Amino acid sequence: MTPHGKSDLRKSVWQLVNSIVPFILLWVLAYASMTVSIWIALALVIPAAGFLVRIFIIFHDCCHQSFFSGKKTNAIIGTITGILTFFPFDQWKNEHSIHHATSGNLTRRGTGDIWTLTTKEYAALSPWRCLGYRLYRNPFVMFGLGPIFLFMIEYRMNRKGAKRKERMNTYFTNATLAGLMGLLCWTLGWKEVLLIQGLILYLSGVAGKWLFYVQHQFEGAYYEHADEWDYVSARYTSVPIISCREFCNG
């Protein structure tokens, strides 16, 4: 695994090119094809959303400081890819770091993860909280409304306790997005931009939400309370250390 433990500048640059360039081309073709057929435009939106997920993966690796060898380069490219994917770099990086540091820890849930309760915790909920939990995990809510909430509300605001650098990065991302979307709406038309950009963003959000969901929601996923939680074991979530039956028993 040693050769894969460090970044390769040539491969990193090439992956940037073969991800961002096709995305932009598909975006432009989808917009241009609207004058010919709306169905052609919608067909082009699907692969464009796939390339946006690919750009998000680059953004994710920049947040881990692994896409490039330099911290500053990762921050710059991470901020740019974050704008393309509608995520503020510093906020997501800090939140995701907490997620990795607490993954599978039942005592420290709530940051960068999917709301997951044990059977005992679920049974102790009030009727309204129980309904809220079931609605939250309903596919039509999680994958239907979830991406909209993620892009339009959650990551447009700073998290509680965010430091100045993180807050400023969120403001910068929001201002850049507002200017970019405003320019596109002014030059191309707001309905066209809403259909193309909105649908690409939504489909990529559904795919991304699903990827994060299945990562920790399957037989053998690791969950333990803090006194028994182990960081090394939590890294390998596919190892059947705790079964769903054990998890359901609380």
C-alpha atoms as a PDB file:
ATOM      1  CA  MET A   1       0.000   0.000   0.000  1.00  0.00           C
ATOM      2  CA  THR A   2       3.035   2.297   0.361  1.00  0.00           C
ATOM      3  CA  PRO A   3       2.951   3.600  -3.262  1.00  0.00           C
ATOM      4  CA  HIS A   4      -0.663   4.701  -2.689  1.00  0.00           C
ATOM      5  CA  GLY A   5       0.101   6.491   0.562  1.00  0.00           C
ATOM      6  CA  LYS A   6       1.125   9.754  -1.060  1.00  0.00           C
ATOM      7  CA  SER A   7      -0.268  11.974  -3.798  1.00  0.00           C
ATOM      8  CA  ASP A   8       0.915  11.943  -7.410  1.00  0.00           C
ATOM      9  CA  LEU A   9       0.915  15.452  -8.908  1.00  0.00           C
ATOM     10  CA  ARG A  10       0.564  14.247 -12.493  1.00  0.00           C
ATOM     11  CA  LYS A  11      -2.393  12.002 -11.685  1.00  0.00           C
ATOM     12  CA  SER A  12      -4.021  14.650  -9.495  1.00  0.00           C
ATOM     13  CA  VAL A  13      -3.864  17.299 -12.233  1.00  0.00           C
ATOM     14  CA  TRP A  14      -5.135  14.835 -14.823  1.00  0.00           C
ATOM     15  CA  GLN A  15      -8.085  13.851 -12.620  1.00  0.00           C
ATOM     16  CA  LEU A  16      -8.947  17.523 -12.183  1.00  0.00           C
ATOM     17  CA  VAL A  17      -8.945  17.958 -15.962  1.00  0.00           C
ATOM     18  CA  ASN A  18     -10.901  14.790 -16.779  1.00  0.00           C
ATOM     19  CA  SER A  19     -13.522  15.643 -14.149  1.00  0.00           C
ATOM     20  CA  ILE A  20     -14.110  19.398 -14.449  1.00  0.00           C
ATOM     21  CA  VAL A  21     -13.772  19.742 -18.240  1.00  0.00           C
ATOM     22  CA  PRO A  22     -16.372  17.017 -19.069  1.00  0.00           C
ATOM     23  CA  PHE A  23     -18.694  18.482 -16.410  1.00  0.00           C
ATOM     24  CA  ILE A  24     -18.551  21.952 -17.966  1.00  0.00           C
ATOM     25  CA  LEU A  25     -18.961  20.563 -21.491  1.00  0.00           C
ATOM     26  CA  LEU A  26     -21.996  18.510 -20.484  1.00  0.00           C
ATOM     27  CA  TRP A  27     -23.471  21.539 -18.681  1.00  0.00           C
ATOM     28  CA  VAL A  28     -23.063  23.712 -21.804  1.00  0.00           C
ATOM     29  CA  LEU A  29     -24.423  20.976 -24.111  1.00  0.00           C
ATOM     30  CA  ALA A  30     -27.421  20.417 -21.826  1.00  0.00           C
ATOM     31  CA  TYR A  31     -28.231  24.129 -21.925  1.00  0.00           C
ATOM     32  CA  ALA A  32     -27.693  24.403 -25.697  1.00  0.00           C
ATOM     33  CA  SER A  33     -29.811  21.323 -26.430  1.00  0.00           C
ATOM     34  CA  MET A  34     -32.860  22.838 -24.715  1.00  0.00           C
ATOM     35  CA  THR A  35     -33.642  24.668 -27.961  1.00  0.00           C
ATOM     36  CA  VAL A  36     -33.685  21.300 -29.749  1.00  0.00           C
ATOM     37  CA  SER A  37     -35.266  18.931 -27.228  1.00  0.00           C
ATOM     38  CA  ILE A  38     -35.852  19.081 -23.487  1.00  0.00           C
ATOM     39  CA  TRP A  39     -35.352  15.312 -23.384  1.00  0.00           C
ATOM     40  CA  ILE A  40     -31.838  15.581 -24.802  1.00  0.00           C
ATOM     41  CA  ALA A  41     -31.064  18.200 -22.163  1.00  0.00           C
ATOM     42  CA  LEU A  42     -32.390  15.962 -19.385  1.00  0.00           C
ATOM     43  CA  ALA A  43     -30.385  13.013 -20.730  1.00  0.00           C
ATOM     44  CA  LEU A  44     -27.188  15.088 -20.594  1.00  0.00           C
ATOM     45  CA  VAL A  45     -27.950  16.202 -17.048  1.00  0.00           C
ATOM     46  CA  ILE A  46     -27.512  12.628 -15.756  1.00  0.00           C
ATOM     47  CA  PRO A  47     -23.829  12.135 -16.727  1.00  0.00           C
ATOM     48  CA  ALA A  48     -23.143  15.739 -15.717  1.00  0.00           C
ATOM     49  CA  ALA A  49     -24.406  14.880 -12.225  1.00  0.00           C
ATOM     50  CA  GLY A  50     -22.078  11.876 -12.228  1.00  0.00           C
ATOM     51  CA  PHE A  51     -19.106  14.096 -13.004  1.00  0.00           C
ATOM     52  CA  LEU A  52     -20.173  16.470 -10.216  1.00  0.00           C
ATOM     53  CA  VAL A  53     -20.032  13.525  -7.795  1.00  0.00           C
ATOM     54  CA  ARG A  54     -16.528  12.852  -9.136  1.00  0.00           C
ATOM     55  CA  ILE A  55     -15.604  16.505  -8.462  1.00  0.00           C
ATOM     56  CA  PHE A  56     -16.975  16.093  -4.938  1.00  0.00           C
ATOM     57  CA  ILE A  57     -14.645  13.106  -4.428  1.00  0.00           C
ATOM     58  CA  ILE A  58     -11.721  15.377  -5.343  1.00  0.00           C
ATOM     59  CA  PHE A  59     -13.103  17.957  -2.890  1.00  0.00           C
ATOM     60  CA  HIS A  60     -13.311  15.213  -0.250  1.00  0.00           C
ATOM     61  CA  ASP A  61      -9.680  14.198  -0.807  1.00  0.00           C
ATOM     62  CA  CYS A  62      -8.577  17.845  -0.584  1.00  0.00           C
ATOM     63  CA  CYS A  63     -10.354  18.032   2.782  1.00  0.00           C
ATOM     64  CA  HIS A  64      -8.229  15.070   3.886  1.00  0.00           C
ATOM     65  CA  GLN A  65      -5.111  16.916   2.640  1.00  0.00           C
ATOM     66  CA  SER A  66      -4.370  13.930   0.397  1.00  0.00           C
ATOM     67  CA  PHE A  67      -5.130  15.051  -3.162  1.00  0.00           C
ATOM     68  CA  PHE A  68      -1.987  17.196  -3.337  1.00  0.00           C
ATOM     69  CA  SER A  69       1.099  17.087  -1.142  1.00  0.00           C
ATOM     70  CA  GLY A  70       0.849  20.772  -0.190  1.00  0.00           C
ATOM     71  CA  LYS A  71      -1.670  21.973   2.409  1.00  0.00           C
ATOM     72  CA  LYS A  72      -2.194  25.311   0.649  1.00  0.00           C
ATOM     73  CA  THR A  73      -2.780  23.654  -2.726  1.00  0.00           C
ATOM     74  CA  ASN A  74      -5.362  21.322  -1.189  1.00  0.00           C
ATOM     75  CA  ALA A  75      -7.102  24.337   0.380  1.00  0.00           C
ATOM     76  CA  ILE A  76      -7.211  26.280  -2.923  1.00  0.00           C
ATOM     77  CA  ILE A  77      -8.421  23.367  -5.058  1.00  0.00           C
ATOM     78  CA  GLY A  78     -10.726  22.265  -2.252  1.00  0.00           C
ATOM     79  CA  THR A  79     -12.330  25.715  -2.135  1.00  0.00           C
ATOM     80  CA  ILE A  80     -12.790  25.767  -5.939  1.00  0.00           C
ATOM     81  CA  THR A  81     -14.270  22.258  -6.101  1.00  0.00           C
ATOM     82  CA  GLY A  82     -16.337  23.153  -3.034  1.00  0.00           C
ATOM     83  CA  ILE A  83     -17.872  26.063  -4.934  1.00  0.00           C
ATOM     84  CA  LEU A  84     -18.671  23.759  -7.872  1.00  0.00           C
ATOM     85  CA  THR A  85     -20.336  21.270  -5.514  1.00  0.00           C
ATOM     86  CA  PHE A  86     -21.924  23.940  -3.239  1.00  0.00           C
ATOM     87  CA  PHE A  87     -19.919  22.999  -0.124  1.00  0.00           C
ATOM     88  CA  PRO A  88     -17.770  25.409   1.945  1.00  0.00           C
ATOM     89  CA  PHE A  89     -14.316  23.846   2.191  1.00  0.00           C
ATOM     90  CA  ASP A  90     -13.291  24.694   5.772  1.00  0.00           C
ATOM     91  CA  GLN A  91     -16.668  23.915   7.301  1.00  0.00           C
ATOM     92  CA  TRP A  92     -16.985  20.549   5.572  1.00  0.00           C
ATOM     93  CA  LYS A  93     -13.329  19.666   6.278  1.00  0.00           C
ATOM     94  CA  ASN A  94     -13.649  20.328  10.000  1.00  0.00           C
ATOM     95  CA  GLU A  95     -17.001  18.558  10.264  1.00  0.00           C
ATOM     96  CA  HIS A  96     -15.757  15.568   8.286  1.00  0.00           C
ATOM     97  CA  SER A  97     -12.641  15.307  10.473  1.00  0.00           C
ATOM     98  CA  ILE A  98     -14.908  15.067  13.537  1.00  0.00           C
ATOM     99  CA  HIS A  99     -16.945  12.414  11.739  1.00  0.00           C
ATOM    100  CA  HIS A 100     -13.842  10.283  11.139  1.00  0.00           C
ATOM    101  CA  ALA A 101     -12.691  10.769  14.724  1.00  0.00           C
ATOM    102  CA  THR A 102     -16.065   9.629  16.116  1.00  0.00           C
ATOM    103  CA  SER A 103     -17.358   7.184  13.486  1.00  0.00           C
ATOM    104  CA  GLY A 104     -19.306   4.358  15.125  1.00  0.00           C
ATOM    105  CA  ASN A 105     -19.123   6.011  18.561  1.00  0.00           C
ATOM    106  CA  LEU A 106     -22.666   5.905  19.953  1.00  0.00           C
ATOM    107  CA  THR A 107     -21.766   8.457  22.640  1.00  0.00           C
ATOM    108  CA  ARG A 108     -20.493  11.065  20.168  1.00  0.00           C
ATOM    109  CA  ARG A 109     -23.017  10.944  17.337  1.00  0.00           C
ATOM    110  CA  GLY A 110     -24.383  13.961  15.503  1.00  0.00           C
ATOM    111  CA  THR A 111     -21.579  15.462  13.414  1.00  0.00           C
ATOM    112  CA  GLY A 112     -21.304  14.511   9.753  1.00  0.00           C
ATOM    113  CA  ASP A 113     -23.305  11.314  10.105  1.00  0.00           C
ATOM    114  CA  ILE A 114     -26.777   9.867   9.558  1.00  0.00           C
ATOM    115  CA  TRP A 115     -29.099  10.034  12.575  1.00  0.00           C
ATOM    116  CA  THR A 116     -29.047   6.430  13.836  1.00  0.00           C
ATOM    117  CA  LEU A 117     -30.579   5.083  17.056  1.00  0.00           C
ATOM    118  CA  THR A 118     -30.442   1.726  18.790  1.00  0.00           C
ATOM    119  CA  THR A 119     -33.714  -0.121  19.375  1.00  0.00           C
ATOM    120  CA  LYS A 120     -33.728   0.853  23.063  1.00  0.00           C
ATOM    121  CA  GLU A 121     -33.194   4.511  22.202  1.00  0.00           C
ATOM    122  CA  TYR A 122     -35.948   4.384  19.609  1.00  0.00           C
ATOM    123  CA  ALA A 123     -38.377   2.714  22.053  1.00  0.00           C
ATOM    124  CA  ALA A 124     -37.715   5.505  24.580  1.00  0.00           C
ATOM    125  CA  LEU A 125     -38.682   8.275  22.146  1.00  0.00           C
ATOM    126  CA  SER A 126     -41.839  10.319  22.546  1.00  0.00           C
ATOM    127  CA  PRO A 127     -44.471   9.760  19.827  1.00  0.00           C
ATOM    128  CA  TRP A 128     -43.516  13.011  18.072  1.00  0.00           C
ATOM    129  CA  ARG A 129     -39.780  12.274  18.204  1.00  0.00           C
ATOM    130  CA  CYS A 130     -40.500   8.777  16.947  1.00  0.00           C
ATOM    131  CA  LEU A 131     -42.433  10.225  14.004  1.00  0.00           C
ATOM    132  CA  GLY A 132     -39.600  12.668  13.329  1.00  0.00           C
ATOM    133  CA  TYR A 133     -37.044   9.865  13.311  1.00  0.00           C
ATOM    134  CA  ARG A 134     -39.124   7.733  10.939  1.00  0.00           C
ATOM    135  CA  LEU A 135     -39.698  10.692   8.620  1.00  0.00           C
ATOM    136  CA  TYR A 136     -35.996  11.593   8.683  1.00  0.00           C
ATOM    137  CA  ARG A 137     -35.029   8.074   7.578  1.00  0.00           C
ATOM    138  CA  ASN A 138     -37.852   7.716   5.064  1.00  0.00           C
ATOM    139  CA  PRO A 139     -36.319   7.465   1.547  1.00  0.00           C
ATOM    140  CA  PHE A 140     -38.664  10.124   0.178  1.00  0.00           C
ATOM    141  CA  VAL A 141     -37.468  12.575   2.846  1.00  0.00           C
ATOM    142  CA  MET A 142     -33.788  11.574   3.087  1.00  0.00           C
ATOM    143  CA  PHE A 143     -33.201  11.342  -0.656  1.00  0.00           C
ATOM    144  CA  GLY A 144     -36.068  13.578  -1.786  1.00  0.00           C
ATOM    145  CA  LEU A 145     -35.862  16.612   0.500  1.00  0.00           C
ATOM    146  CA  GLY A 146     -32.442  15.844   2.000  1.00  0.00           C
ATOM    147  CA  PRO A 147     -30.290  17.201  -0.866  1.00  0.00           C
ATOM    148  CA  ILE A 148     -32.350  20.404  -1.052  1.00  0.00           C
ATOM    149  CA  PHE A 149     -31.935  21.007   2.690  1.00  0.00           C
ATOM    150  CA  LEU A 150     -28.223  20.192   2.436  1.00  0.00           C
ATOM    151  CA  PHE A 151     -27.449  22.597  -0.416  1.00  0.00           C
ATOM    152  CA  MET A 152     -29.872  25.411   0.282  1.00  0.00           C
ATOM    153  CA  ILE A 153     -29.906  25.599   4.094  1.00  0.00           C
ATOM    154  CA  GLU A 154     -27.422  23.497   6.104  1.00  0.00           C
ATOM    155  CA  TYR A 155     -24.226  24.414   4.252  1.00  0.00           C
ATOM    156  CA  ARG A 156     -25.194  28.001   3.590  1.00  0.00           C
ATOM    157  CA  MET A 157     -24.837  28.735   7.307  1.00  0.00           C
ATOM    158  CA  ASN A 158     -21.898  28.377   9.665  1.00  0.00           C
ATOM    159  CA  ARG A 159     -21.990  25.660  12.273  1.00  0.00           C
ATOM    160  CA  LYS A 160     -22.145  26.589  15.941  1.00  0.00           C
ATOM    161  CA  GLY A 161     -18.734  27.389  17.391  1.00  0.00           C
ATOM    162  CA  ALA A 162     -17.045  27.839  14.008  1.00  0.00           C
ATOM    163  CA  LYS A 163     -13.807  29.821  14.117  1.00  0.00           C
ATOM    164  CA  ARG A 164     -13.224  32.982  12.072  1.00  0.00           C
ATOM    165  CA  LYS A 165     -11.306  31.251   9.246  1.00  0.00           C
ATOM    166  CA  GLU A 166     -14.100  28.721   8.784  1.00  0.00           C
ATOM    167  CA  ARG A 167     -16.809  31.395   8.898  1.00  0.00           C
ATOM    168  CA  MET A 168     -15.007  33.557   6.347  1.00  0.00           C
ATOM    169  CA  ASN A 169     -14.592  30.600   3.988  1.00  0.00           C
ATOM    170  CA  THR A 170     -18.335  29.911   4.194  1.00  0.00           C
ATOM    171  CA  TYR A 171     -19.112  33.579   3.482  1.00  0.00           C
ATOM    172  CA  PHE A 172     -16.694  33.541   0.544  1.00  0.00           C
ATOM    173  CA  THR A 173     -18.243  30.368  -0.878  1.00  0.00           C
ATOM    174  CA  ASN A 174     -21.776  31.761  -0.521  1.00  0.00           C
ATOM    175  CA  ALA A 175     -20.855  35.110  -2.078  1.00  0.00           C
ATOM    176  CA  THR A 176     -19.094  33.421  -4.999  1.00  0.00           C
ATOM    177  CA  LEU A 177     -22.043  31.107  -5.580  1.00  0.00           C
ATOM    178  CA  ALA A 178     -24.500  34.010  -5.426  1.00  0.00           C
ATOM    179  CA  GLY A 179     -22.426  35.963  -7.965  1.00  0.00           C
ATOM    180  CA  LEU A 180     -21.924  32.971 -10.259  1.00  0.00           C
ATOM    181  CA  MET A 181     -25.565  31.866 -10.199  1.00  0.00           C
ATOM    182  CA  GLY A 182     -26.713  35.458 -10.587  1.00  0.00           C
ATOM    183  CA  LEU A 183     -24.483  35.918 -13.642  1.00  0.00           C
ATOM    184  CA  LEU A 184     -25.735  32.674 -15.199  1.00  0.00           C
ATOM    185  CA  CYS A 185     -29.366  33.624 -14.584  1.00  0.00           C
ATOM    186  CA  TRP A 186     -28.802  37.080 -16.085  1.00  0.00           C
ATOM    187  CA  THR A 187     -27.069  35.781 -19.214  1.00  0.00           C
ATOM    188  CA  LEU A 188     -28.890  32.477 -19.788  1.00  0.00           C
ATOM    189  CA  GLY A 189     -32.231  32.898 -18.032  1.00  0.00           C
ATOM    190  CA  TRP A 190     -33.237  31.830 -14.552  1.00  0.00           C
ATOM    191  CA  LYS A 191     -35.605  29.069 -15.692  1.00  0.00           C
ATOM    192  CA  GLU A 192     -32.917  27.432 -17.814  1.00  0.00           C
ATOM    193  CA  VAL A 193     -30.316  27.667 -15.051  1.00  0.00           C
ATOM    194  CA  LEU A 194     -32.783  26.322 -12.479  1.00  0.00           C
ATOM    195  CA  LEU A 195     -33.590  23.348 -14.689  1.00  0.00           C
ATOM    196  CA  ILE A 196     -30.019  22.466 -15.699  1.00  0.00           C
ATOM    197  CA  GLN A 197     -27.961  23.471 -12.641  1.00  0.00           C
ATOM    198  CA  GLY A 198     -30.749  22.647 -10.206  1.00  0.00           C
ATOM    199  CA  LEU A 199     -31.323  19.157 -11.571  1.00  0.00           C
ATOM    200  CA  ILE A 200     -27.587  18.370 -11.836  1.00  0.00           C
ATOM    201  CA  LEU A 201     -27.081  19.499  -8.250  1.00  0.00           C
ATOM    202  CA  TYR A 202     -30.117  17.579  -7.027  1.00  0.00           C
ATOM    203  CA  LEU A 203     -29.182  14.283  -8.721  1.00  0.00           C
ATOM    204  CA  SER A 204     -25.587  14.505  -7.494  1.00  0.00           C
ATOM    205  CA  GLY A 205     -26.927  15.252  -4.003  1.00  0.00           C
ATOM    206  CA  VAL A 206     -29.146  12.159  -4.065  1.00  0.00           C
ATOM    207  CA  ALA A 207     -26.179  10.013  -5.138  1.00  0.00           C
ATOM    208  CA  GLY A 208     -23.908  11.555  -2.507  1.00  0.00           C
ATOM    209  CA  LYS A 209     -26.499  11.172   0.251  1.00  0.00           C
ATOM    210  CA  TRP A 210     -26.975   7.526  -0.674  1.00  0.00           C
ATOM    211  CA  LEU A 211     -23.213   6.886  -0.631  1.00  0.00           C
ATOM    212  CA  PHE A 212     -22.876   8.350   2.866  1.00  0.00           C
ATOM    213  CA  TYR A 213     -25.945   6.428   4.039  1.00  0.00           C
ATOM    214  CA  VAL A 214     -24.865   2.955   2.906  1.00  0.00           C
ATOM    215  CA  GLN A 215     -21.380   3.461   4.357  1.00  0.00           C
ATOM    216  CA  HIS A 216     -22.645   2.944   7.907  1.00  0.00           C
ATOM    217  CA  GLN A 217     -26.044   1.282   7.498  1.00  0.00           C
ATOM    218  CA  PHE A 218     -25.502  -2.410   6.854  1.00  0.00           C
ATOM    219  CA  GLU A 219     -24.989  -5.738   8.596  1.00  0.00           C
ATOM    220  CA  GLY A 220     -21.615  -5.649  10.317  1.00  0.00           C
ATOM    221  CA  ALA A 221     -21.328  -1.862  10.637  1.00  0.00           C
ATOM    222  CA  TYR A 222     -19.337  -0.895  13.724  1.00  0.00           C
ATOM    223  CA  TYR A 223     -21.167   0.817  16.612  1.00  0.00           C
ATOM    224  CA  GLU A 224     -20.058   0.930  20.256  1.00  0.00           C
ATOM    225  CA  HIS A 225     -20.478   3.223  23.249  1.00  0.00           C
ATOM    226  CA  ALA A 226     -17.479   5.389  24.179  1.00  0.00           C
ATOM    227  CA  ASP A 227     -16.200   3.097  26.952  1.00  0.00           C
ATOM    228  CA  GLU A 228     -15.910   0.191  24.480  1.00  0.00           C
ATOM    229  CA  TRP A 229     -15.317   2.130  21.252  1.00  0.00           C
ATOM    230  CA  ASP A 230     -11.992   1.583  19.496  1.00  0.00           C
ATOM    231  CA  TYR A 231     -10.646   3.985  16.855  1.00  0.00           C
ATOM    232  CA  VAL A 232      -8.779   1.328  14.865  1.00  0.00           C
ATOM    233  CA  SER A 233     -11.812  -0.952  14.717  1.00  0.00           C
ATOM    234  CA  ALA A 234     -14.030   1.986  13.711  1.00  0.00           C
ATOM    235  CA  ARG A 235     -11.845   2.607  10.665  1.00  0.00           C
ATOM    236  CA  TYR A 236     -12.896  -0.728   9.199  1.00  0.00           C
ATOM    237  CA  THR A 237     -16.661  -0.364   9.200  1.00  0.00           C
ATOM    238  CA  SER A 238     -17.121  -3.440   6.987  1.00  0.00           C
ATOM    239  CA  VAL A 239     -15.681  -5.719   9.697  1.00  0.00           C
ATOM    240  CA  PRO A 240     -18.611  -7.509  11.427  1.00  0.00           C
ATOM    241  CA  ILE A 241     -17.530  -6.548  14.945  1.00  0.00           C
ATOM    242  CA  ILE A 242     -21.083  -5.877  16.039  1.00  0.00           C
ATOM    243  CA  SER A 243     -24.089  -7.415  14.346  1.00  0.00           C
ATOM    244  CA  CYS A 244     -27.402  -5.706  13.625  1.00  0.00           C
ATOM    245  CA  ARG A 245     -28.981  -7.948  16.252  1.00  0.00           C
ATOM    246  CA  GLU A 246     -26.543  -6.702  18.895  1.00  0.00           C
ATOM    247  CA  PHE A 247     -27.148  -3.130  17.750  1.00  0.00           C
ATOM    248  CA  CYS A 248     -30.920  -3.579  17.991  1.00  0.00           C
ATOM    249  CA  ASN A 249     -30.513  -4.826  21.550  1.00  0.00           C
ATOM    250  CA  GLY A 250     -29.010  -1.468  22.420  1.00  0.00           C
END
